[in-house]
């Protein structure tokens, strides 16, 4: 998976862009995927701390884990907490 593919999956799922950082500076209280010294890092950024840090050697594996993490969290959706239409 490439970043454009990951972006498309998140867009189709209705993920709020404020809930993640991909290729940009990490936002607070968001999922992050970024290139690191040893390869790629995926984590949740909260108050400047990196929680649930996972490291990968290649971008594809990191993006797969990143998308899975973001999509498994229902609070990342734009319509989270709104009543479902009938």
PDB file of N, CA and C in Angstrom:
ATOM      1  N   UNK A   1       0.844  -1.175   0.000  1.00  0.00           N
ATOM      2  CA  UNK A   1       0.000   0.000   0.000  1.00  0.00           C
ATOM      3  C   UNK A   1       0.891   1.241   0.000  1.00  0.00           C
ATOM      4  N   UNK A   2       0.498   2.214  -0.757  1.00  0.00           N
ATOM      5  CA  UNK A   2       1.187   3.510  -0.814  1.00  0.00           C
ATOM      6  C   UNK A   2       0.340   4.541  -0.074  1.00  0.00           C
ATOM      7  N   UNK A   3       0.918   5.709   0.200  1.00  0.00           N
ATOM      8  CA  UNK A   3       0.187   6.734   0.942  1.00  0.00           C
ATOM      9  C   UNK A   3      -1.102   7.146   0.246  1.00  0.00           C
ATOM     10  N   UNK A   4      -1.089   7.221  -1.057  1.00  0.00           N
ATOM     11  CA  UNK A   4      -2.305   7.609  -1.776  1.00  0.00           C
ATOM     12  C   UNK A   4      -3.410   6.572  -1.589  1.00  0.00           C
ATOM     13  N   UNK A   5      -3.035   5.293  -1.527  1.00  0.00           N
ATOM     14  CA  UNK A   5      -4.009   4.223  -1.289  1.00  0.00           C
ATOM     15  C   UNK A   5      -4.564   4.310   0.130  1.00  0.00           C
ATOM     16  N   UNK A   6      -3.680   4.567   1.084  1.00  0.00           N
ATOM     17  CA  UNK A   6      -4.110   4.712   2.480  1.00  0.00           C
ATOM     18  C   UNK A   6      -5.064   5.896   2.603  1.00  0.00           C
ATOM     19  N   UNK A   7      -4.728   6.996   1.980  1.00  0.00           N
ATOM     20  CA  UNK A   7      -5.577   8.186   2.021  1.00  0.00           C
ATOM     21  C   UNK A   7      -6.959   7.884   1.450  1.00  0.00           C
ATOM     22  N   UNK A   8      -6.997   7.175   0.343  1.00  0.00           N
ATOM     23  CA  UNK A   8      -8.280   6.832  -0.283  1.00  0.00           C
ATOM     24  C   UNK A   8      -9.127   5.964   0.643  1.00  0.00           C
ATOM     25  N   UNK A   9      -8.523   4.970   1.286  1.00  0.00           N
ATOM     26  CA  UNK A   9      -9.267   4.103   2.207  1.00  0.00           C
ATOM     27  C   UNK A   9      -9.849   4.909   3.366  1.00  0.00           C
ATOM     28  N   UNK A  10      -9.065   5.832   3.907  1.00  0.00           N
ATOM     29  CA  UNK A  10      -9.540   6.642   5.022  1.00  0.00           C
ATOM     30  C   UNK A  10     -10.656   7.579   4.577  1.00  0.00           C
ATOM     31  N   UNK A  11     -10.519   8.158   3.391  1.00  0.00           N
ATOM     32  CA  UNK A  11     -11.559   9.048   2.859  1.00  0.00           C
ATOM     33  C   UNK A  11     -12.863   8.296   2.636  1.00  0.00           C
ATOM     34  N   UNK A  12     -12.785   7.128   2.015  1.00  0.00           N
ATOM     35  CA  UNK A  12     -13.979   6.325   1.730  1.00  0.00           C
ATOM     36  C   UNK A  12     -14.686   5.913   3.021  1.00  0.00           C
ATOM     37  N   UNK A  13     -13.913   5.648   4.067  1.00  0.00           N
ATOM     38  CA  UNK A  13     -14.484   5.235   5.352  1.00  0.00           C
ATOM     39  C   UNK A  13     -15.044   6.409   6.145  1.00  0.00           C
ATOM     40  N   UNK A  14     -14.852   7.638   5.667  1.00  0.00           N
ATOM     41  CA  UNK A  14     -15.376   8.802   6.372  1.00  0.00           C
ATOM     42  C   UNK A  14     -14.566   9.189   7.600  1.00  0.00           C
ATOM     43  N   UNK A  15     -13.268   8.961   7.533  1.00  0.00           N
ATOM     44  CA  UNK A  15     -12.392   9.293   8.661  1.00  0.00           C
ATOM     45  C   UNK A  15     -12.126  10.800   8.672  1.00  0.00           C
ATOM     46  N   UNK A  16     -12.225  11.381   9.844  1.00  0.00           N
ATOM     47  CA  UNK A  16     -11.961  12.806  10.031  1.00  0.00           C
ATOM     48  C   UNK A  16     -10.458  13.055   9.850  1.00  0.00           C
ATOM     49  N   UNK A  17     -10.062  13.927   8.932  1.00  0.00           N
ATOM     50  CA  UNK A  17      -8.632  14.186   8.698  1.00  0.00           C
ATOM     51  C   UNK A  17      -7.897  14.710   9.932  1.00  0.00           C
ATOM     52  N   UNK A  18      -8.613  15.240  10.890  1.00  0.00           N
ATOM     53  CA  UNK A  18      -7.958  15.715  12.123  1.00  0.00           C
ATOM     54  C   UNK A  18      -7.536  14.571  13.030  1.00  0.00           C
ATOM     55  N   UNK A  19      -7.993  13.352  12.739  1.00  0.00           N
ATOM     56  CA  UNK A  19      -7.695  12.218  13.614  1.00  0.00           C
ATOM     57  C   UNK A  19      -6.427  11.468  13.224  1.00  0.00           C
ATOM     58  N   UNK A  20      -5.740  11.938  12.193  1.00  0.00           N
ATOM     59  CA  UNK A  20      -4.507  11.259  11.793  1.00  0.00           C
ATOM     60  C   UNK A  20      -3.533  12.225  11.127  1.00  0.00           C
ATOM     61  N   UNK A  21      -2.265  11.812  11.104  1.00  0.00           N
ATOM     62  CA  UNK A  21      -1.198  12.554  10.437  1.00  0.00           C
ATOM     63  C   UNK A  21      -0.419  11.565   9.585  1.00  0.00           C
ATOM     64  N   UNK A  22      -0.333  11.892   8.308  1.00  0.00           N
ATOM     65  CA  UNK A  22       0.375  11.024   7.381  1.00  0.00           C
ATOM     66  C   UNK A  22       1.176  11.921   6.450  1.00  0.00           C
ATOM     67  N   UNK A  23       2.479  11.932   6.627  1.00  0.00           N
ATOM     68  CA  UNK A  23       3.318  12.770   5.783  1.00  0.00           C
ATOM     69  C   UNK A  23       3.346  14.229   6.200  1.00  0.00           C
ATOM     70  N   UNK A  24       2.831  14.522   7.376  1.00  0.00           N
ATOM     71  CA  UNK A  24       2.833  15.891   7.897  1.00  0.00           C
ATOM     72  C   UNK A  24       3.312  15.857   9.347  1.00  0.00           C
ATOM     73  N   UNK A  25       3.449  17.023   9.937  1.00  0.00           N
ATOM     74  CA  UNK A  25       3.806  17.062  11.357  1.00  0.00           C
ATOM     75  C   UNK A  25       2.714  16.400  12.174  1.00  0.00           C
ATOM     76  N   UNK A  26       3.082  15.605  13.186  1.00  0.00           N
ATOM     77  CA  UNK A  26       2.080  14.934  14.002  1.00  0.00           C
ATOM     78  C   UNK A  26       1.171  15.932  14.718  1.00  0.00           C
ATOM     79  N   UNK A  27      -0.123  15.641  14.694  1.00  0.00           N
ATOM     80  CA  UNK A  27      -1.112  16.429  15.421  1.00  0.00           C
ATOM     81  C   UNK A  27      -1.330  15.770  16.776  1.00  0.00           C
ATOM     82  N   UNK A  28      -1.723  16.559  17.745  1.00  0.00           N
ATOM     83  CA  UNK A  28      -2.027  16.001  19.060  1.00  0.00           C
ATOM     84  C   UNK A  28      -3.328  15.218  18.985  1.00  0.00           C
ATOM     85  N   UNK A  29      -3.382  14.127  19.710  1.00  0.00           N
ATOM     86  CA  UNK A  29      -4.533  13.234  19.741  1.00  0.00           C
ATOM     87  C   UNK A  29      -4.885  12.739  18.343  1.00  0.00           C
ATOM     88  N   UNK A  30      -3.896  12.132  17.699  1.00  0.00           N
ATOM     89  CA  UNK A  30      -4.103  11.579  16.367  1.00  0.00           C
ATOM     90  C   UNK A  30      -3.199  10.370  16.141  1.00  0.00           C
ATOM     91  N   UNK A  31      -3.594   9.563  15.186  1.00  0.00           N
ATOM     92  CA  UNK A  31      -2.764   8.445  14.748  1.00  0.00           C
ATOM     93  C   UNK A  31      -1.727   8.993  13.770  1.00  0.00           C
ATOM     94  N   UNK A  32      -0.516   8.467  13.852  1.00  0.00           N
ATOM     95  CA  UNK A  32       0.583   8.993  13.049  1.00  0.00           C
ATOM     96  C   UNK A  32       1.329   7.852  12.363  1.00  0.00           C
ATOM     97  N   UNK A  33       1.693   8.091  11.107  1.00  0.00           N
ATOM     98  CA  UNK A  33       2.650   7.229  10.416  1.00  0.00           C
ATOM     99  C   UNK A  33       3.709   8.172   9.866  1.00  0.00           C
ATOM    100  N   UNK A  34       4.968   7.851  10.152  1.00  0.00           N
ATOM    101  CA  UNK A  34       6.048   8.715   9.691  1.00  0.00           C
ATOM    102  C   UNK A  34       7.318   7.913   9.485  1.00  0.00           C
ATOM    103  N   UNK A  35       8.164   8.447   8.630  1.00  0.00           N
ATOM    104  CA  UNK A  35       9.452   7.824   8.403  1.00  0.00           C
ATOM    105  C   UNK A  35      10.324   8.087   9.622  1.00  0.00           C
ATOM    106  N   UNK A  36      11.058   7.060  10.033  1.00  0.00           N
ATOM    107  CA  UNK A  36      11.940   7.186  11.191  1.00  0.00           C
ATOM    108  C   UNK A  36      13.345   6.748  10.800  1.00  0.00           C
ATOM    109  N   UNK A  37      14.257   6.851  11.732  1.00  0.00           N
ATOM    110  CA  UNK A  37      15.653   6.505  11.448  1.00  0.00           C
ATOM    111  C   UNK A  37      15.801   5.057  10.985  1.00  0.00           C
ATOM    112  N   UNK A  38      15.007   4.155  11.574  1.00  0.00           N
ATOM    113  CA  UNK A  38      15.138   2.741  11.233  1.00  0.00           C
ATOM    114  C   UNK A  38      14.139   2.248  10.208  1.00  0.00           C
ATOM    115  N   UNK A  39      13.293   3.126   9.701  1.00  0.00           N
ATOM    116  CA  UNK A  39      12.275   2.711   8.739  1.00  0.00           C
ATOM    117  C   UNK A  39      11.034   3.578   8.867  1.00  0.00           C
ATOM    118  N   UNK A  40       9.986   3.008   9.459  1.00  0.00           N
ATOM    119  CA  UNK A  40       8.711   3.707   9.603  1.00  0.00           C
ATOM    120  C   UNK A  40       8.147   3.475  10.995  1.00  0.00           C
ATOM    121  N   UNK A  41       7.472   4.488  11.531  1.00  0.00           N
ATOM    122  CA  UNK A  41       6.859   4.389  12.856  1.00  0.00           C
ATOM    123  C   UNK A  41       5.361   4.671  12.743  1.00  0.00           C
ATOM    124  N   UNK A  42       4.587   3.911  13.495  1.00  0.00           N
ATOM    125  CA  UNK A  42       3.149   4.102  13.602  1.00  0.00           C
ATOM    126  C   UNK A  42       2.849   4.206  15.090  1.00  0.00           C
ATOM    127  N   UNK A  43       2.105   5.241  15.476  1.00  0.00           N
ATOM    128  CA  UNK A  43       1.788   5.430  16.892  1.00  0.00           C
ATOM    129  C   UNK A  43       0.604   6.370  17.054  1.00  0.00           C
ATOM    130  N   UNK A  44       0.156   6.495  18.299  1.00  0.00           N
ATOM    131  CA  UNK A  44      -0.887   7.456  18.633  1.00  0.00           C
ATOM    132  C   UNK A  44      -0.209   8.590  19.385  1.00  0.00           C
ATOM    133  N   UNK A  45      -0.428   9.808  18.925  1.00  0.00           N
ATOM    134  CA  UNK A  45       0.172  10.983  19.548  1.00  0.00           C
ATOM    135  C   UNK A  45      -0.839  11.610  20.499  1.00  0.00           C
ATOM    136  N   UNK A  46      -0.437  11.719  21.760  1.00  0.00           N
ATOM    137  CA  UNK A  46      -1.316  12.312  22.762  1.00  0.00           C
ATOM    138  C   UNK A  46      -0.480  13.124  23.742  1.00  0.00           C
ATOM    139  N   UNK A  47      -0.736  14.414  23.757  1.00  0.00           N
ATOM    140  CA  UNK A  47      -0.015  15.338  24.643  1.00  0.00           C
ATOM    141  C   UNK A  47       1.499  15.205  24.480  1.00  0.00           C
ATOM    142  N   UNK A  48       1.921  15.051  23.252  1.00  0.00           N
ATOM    143  CA  UNK A  48       3.346  14.964  22.968  1.00  0.00           C
ATOM    144  C   UNK A  48       3.968  13.608  23.200  1.00  0.00           C
ATOM    145  N   UNK A  49       3.178  12.650  23.665  1.00  0.00           N
ATOM    146  CA  UNK A  49       3.687  11.299  23.913  1.00  0.00           C
ATOM    147  C   UNK A  49       3.323  10.379  22.760  1.00  0.00           C
ATOM    148  N   UNK A  50       4.202   9.438  22.485  1.00  0.00           N
ATOM    149  CA  UNK A  50       3.958   8.422  21.462  1.00  0.00           C
ATOM    150  C   UNK A  50       3.514   7.148  22.158  1.00  0.00           C
ATOM    151  N   UNK A  51       2.241   6.824  22.031  1.00  0.00           N
ATOM    152  CA  UNK A  51       1.754   5.593  22.638  1.00  0.00           C
ATOM    153  C   UNK A  51       1.465   4.577  21.546  1.00  0.00           C
ATOM    154  N   UNK A  52       1.450   3.322  21.924  1.00  0.00           N
ATOM    155  CA  UNK A  52       1.201   2.222  20.992  1.00  0.00           C
ATOM    156  C   UNK A  52       2.186   2.244  19.820  1.00  0.00           C
ATOM    157  N   UNK A  53       3.431   2.623  20.094  1.00  0.00           N
ATOM    158  CA  UNK A  53       4.461   2.730  19.053  1.00  0.00           C
ATOM    159  C   UNK A  53       4.780   1.365  18.460  1.00  0.00           C
ATOM    160  N   UNK A  54       4.737   1.318  17.130  1.00  0.00           N
ATOM    161  CA  UNK A  54       5.143   0.125  16.386  1.00  0.00           C
ATOM    162  C   UNK A  54       6.087   0.587  15.287  1.00  0.00           C
ATOM    163  N   UNK A  55       7.164  -0.169  15.082  1.00  0.00           N
ATOM    164  CA  UNK A  55       8.154   0.202  14.067  1.00  0.00           C
ATOM    165  C   UNK A  55       8.200  -0.860  12.977  1.00  0.00           C
ATOM    166  N   UNK A  56       8.408  -0.387  11.759  1.00  0.00           N
ATOM    167  CA  UNK A  56       8.402  -1.250  10.583  1.00  0.00           C
ATOM    168  C   UNK A  56       9.596  -0.911   9.702  1.00  0.00           C
ATOM    169  N   UNK A  57      10.064  -1.907   8.978  1.00  0.00           N
ATOM    170  CA  UNK A  57      11.187  -1.690   8.070  1.00  0.00           C
ATOM    171  C   UNK A  57      10.746  -1.072   6.754  1.00  0.00           C
ATOM    172  N   UNK A  58       9.506  -1.360   6.332  1.00  0.00           N
ATOM    173  CA  UNK A  58       9.077  -0.824   5.038  1.00  0.00           C
ATOM    174  C   UNK A  58       7.771  -0.039   5.163  1.00  0.00           C
ATOM    175  N   UNK A  59       7.589   0.865   4.230  1.00  0.00           N
ATOM    176  CA  UNK A  59       6.436   1.764   4.230  1.00  0.00           C
ATOM    177  C   UNK A  59       5.120   1.010   4.080  1.00  0.00           C
ATOM    178  N   UNK A  60       5.096   0.006   3.246  1.00  0.00           N
ATOM    179  CA  UNK A  60       3.854  -0.728   3.001  1.00  0.00           C
ATOM    180  C   UNK A  60       3.310  -1.369   4.272  1.00  0.00           C
ATOM    181  N   UNK A  61       4.163  -2.032   5.027  1.00  0.00           N
ATOM    182  CA  UNK A  61       3.731  -2.660   6.274  1.00  0.00           C
ATOM    183  C   UNK A  61       3.273  -1.607   7.280  1.00  0.00           C
ATOM    184  N   UNK A  62       3.973  -0.486   7.338  1.00  0.00           N
ATOM    185  CA  UNK A  62       3.598   0.589   8.257  1.00  0.00           C
ATOM    186  C   UNK A  62       2.240   1.164   7.890  1.00  0.00           C
ATOM    187  N   UNK A  63       2.003   1.395   6.604  1.00  0.00           N
ATOM    188  CA  UNK A  63       0.721   1.947   6.173  1.00  0.00           C
ATOM    189  C   UNK A  63      -0.425   0.972   6.414  1.00  0.00           C
ATOM    190  N   UNK A  64      -0.186  -0.303   6.221  1.00  0.00           N
ATOM    191  CA  UNK A  64      -1.211  -1.303   6.517  1.00  0.00           C
ATOM    192  C   UNK A  64      -1.604  -1.248   7.995  1.00  0.00           C
ATOM    193  N   UNK A  65      -0.608  -1.200   8.877  1.00  0.00           N
ATOM    194  CA  UNK A  65      -0.872  -1.137  10.317  1.00  0.00           C
ATOM    195  C   UNK A  65      -1.555   0.180  10.694  1.00  0.00           C
ATOM    196  N   UNK A  66      -1.131   1.264  10.079  1.00  0.00           N
ATOM    197  CA  UNK A  66      -1.695   2.582  10.335  1.00  0.00           C
ATOM    198  C   UNK A  66      -3.176   2.623   9.965  1.00  0.00           C
ATOM    199  N   UNK A  67      -3.507   2.183   8.760  1.00  0.00           N
ATOM    200  CA  UNK A  67      -4.897   2.186   8.306  1.00  0.00           C
ATOM    201  C   UNK A  67      -5.749   1.285   9.198  1.00  0.00           C
ATOM    202  N   UNK A  68      -5.235   0.132   9.556  1.00  0.00           N
ATOM    203  CA  UNK A  68      -5.965  -0.778  10.445  1.00  0.00           C
ATOM    204  C   UNK A  68      -6.248  -0.115  11.785  1.00  0.00           C
ATOM    205  N   UNK A  69      -5.260   0.559  12.343  1.00  0.00           N
ATOM    206  CA  UNK A  69      -5.432   1.232  13.640  1.00  0.00           C
ATOM    207  C   UNK A  69      -6.478   2.341  13.548  1.00  0.00           C
ATOM    208  N   UNK A  70      -6.376   3.161  12.523  1.00  0.00           N
ATOM    209  CA  UNK A  70      -7.317   4.277  12.369  1.00  0.00           C
ATOM    210  C   UNK A  70      -8.733   3.756  12.161  1.00  0.00           C
ATOM    211  N   UNK A  71      -8.907   2.771  11.300  1.00  0.00           N
ATOM    212  CA  UNK A  71     -10.235   2.255  11.009  1.00  0.00           C
ATOM    213  C   UNK A  71     -10.842   1.457  12.157  1.00  0.00           C
ATOM    214  N   UNK A  72     -10.006   0.927  13.034  1.00  0.00           N
ATOM    215  CA  UNK A  72     -10.537   0.161  14.176  1.00  0.00           C
ATOM    216  C   UNK A  72     -11.009   1.068  15.313  1.00  0.00           C
ATOM    217  N   UNK A  73     -10.749   2.356  15.214  1.00  0.00           N
ATOM    218  CA  UNK A  73     -11.173   3.320  16.227  1.00  0.00           C
ATOM    219  C   UNK A  73     -12.394   4.088  15.712  1.00  0.00           C
ATOM    220  N   UNK A  74     -13.588   3.794  16.228  1.00  0.00           N
ATOM    221  CA  UNK A  74     -14.795   4.456  15.713  1.00  0.00           C
ATOM    222  C   UNK A  74     -14.820   5.962  15.956  1.00  0.00           C
ATOM    223  N   UNK A  75     -14.022   6.455  16.887  1.00  0.00           N
ATOM    224  CA  UNK A  75     -14.028   7.898  17.166  1.00  0.00           C
ATOM    225  C   UNK A  75     -13.329   8.705  16.079  1.00  0.00           C
ATOM    226  N   UNK A  76     -12.700   8.032  15.119  1.00  0.00           N
ATOM    227  CA  UNK A  76     -12.025   8.755  14.042  1.00  0.00           C
ATOM    228  C   UNK A  76     -12.983   9.176  12.930  1.00  0.00           C
ATOM    229  N   UNK A  77     -14.223   8.699  12.981  1.00  0.00           N
ATOM    230  CA  UNK A  77     -15.174   8.997  11.917  1.00  0.00           C
ATOM    231  C   UNK A  77     -15.745  10.398  12.051  1.00  0.00           C
ATOM    232  N   UNK A  78     -15.991  11.034  10.932  1.00  0.00           N
ATOM    233  CA  UNK A  78     -16.536  12.379  10.910  1.00  0.00           C
ATOM    234  C   UNK A  78     -17.891  12.427  11.604  1.00  0.00           C
ATOM    235  N   UNK A  79     -18.709  11.405  11.434  1.00  0.00           N
ATOM    236  CA  UNK A  79     -20.047  11.397  11.994  1.00  0.00           C
ATOM    237  C   UNK A  79     -20.148  10.675  13.339  1.00  0.00           C
ATOM    238  N   UNK A  80     -19.036  10.465  14.024  1.00  0.00           N
ATOM    239  CA  UNK A  80     -19.052   9.732  15.297  1.00  0.00           C
ATOM    240  C   UNK A  80     -19.947  10.473  16.299  1.00  0.00           C
ATOM    241  N   UNK A  81     -20.825   9.724  16.922  1.00  0.00           N
ATOM    242  CA  UNK A  81     -21.690  10.275  17.950  1.00  0.00           C
ATOM    243  C   UNK A  81     -22.998  10.867  17.419  1.00  0.00           C
ATOM    244  N   UNK A  82     -23.114  10.998  16.102  1.00  0.00           N
ATOM    245  CA  UNK A  82     -24.351  11.500  15.525  1.00  0.00           C
ATOM    246  C   UNK A  82     -25.334  10.344  15.345  1.00  0.00           C
ATOM    247  N   UNK A  83     -26.618  10.614  15.483  1.00  0.00           N
ATOM    248  CA  UNK A  83     -27.579   9.538  15.267  1.00  0.00           C
ATOM    249  C   UNK A  83     -27.537   9.048  13.823  1.00  0.00           C
ATOM    250  N   UNK A  84     -27.745   7.772  13.655  1.00  0.00           N
ATOM    251  CA  UNK A  84     -27.747   7.183  12.309  1.00  0.00           C
ATOM    252  C   UNK A  84     -29.055   7.555  11.622  1.00  0.00           C
ATOM    253  N   UNK A  85     -28.977   7.937  10.340  1.00  0.00           N
ATOM    254  CA  UNK A  85     -30.206   8.283   9.623  1.00  0.00           C
ATOM    255  C   UNK A  85     -31.094   7.058   9.451  1.00  0.00           C
ATOM    256  N   UNK A  86     -32.391   7.272   9.473  1.00  0.00           N
ATOM    257  CA  UNK A  86     -33.343   6.158   9.284  1.00  0.00           C
ATOM    258  C   UNK A  86     -33.476   5.768   7.841  1.00  0.00           C
TER     259      UNK A  86
END
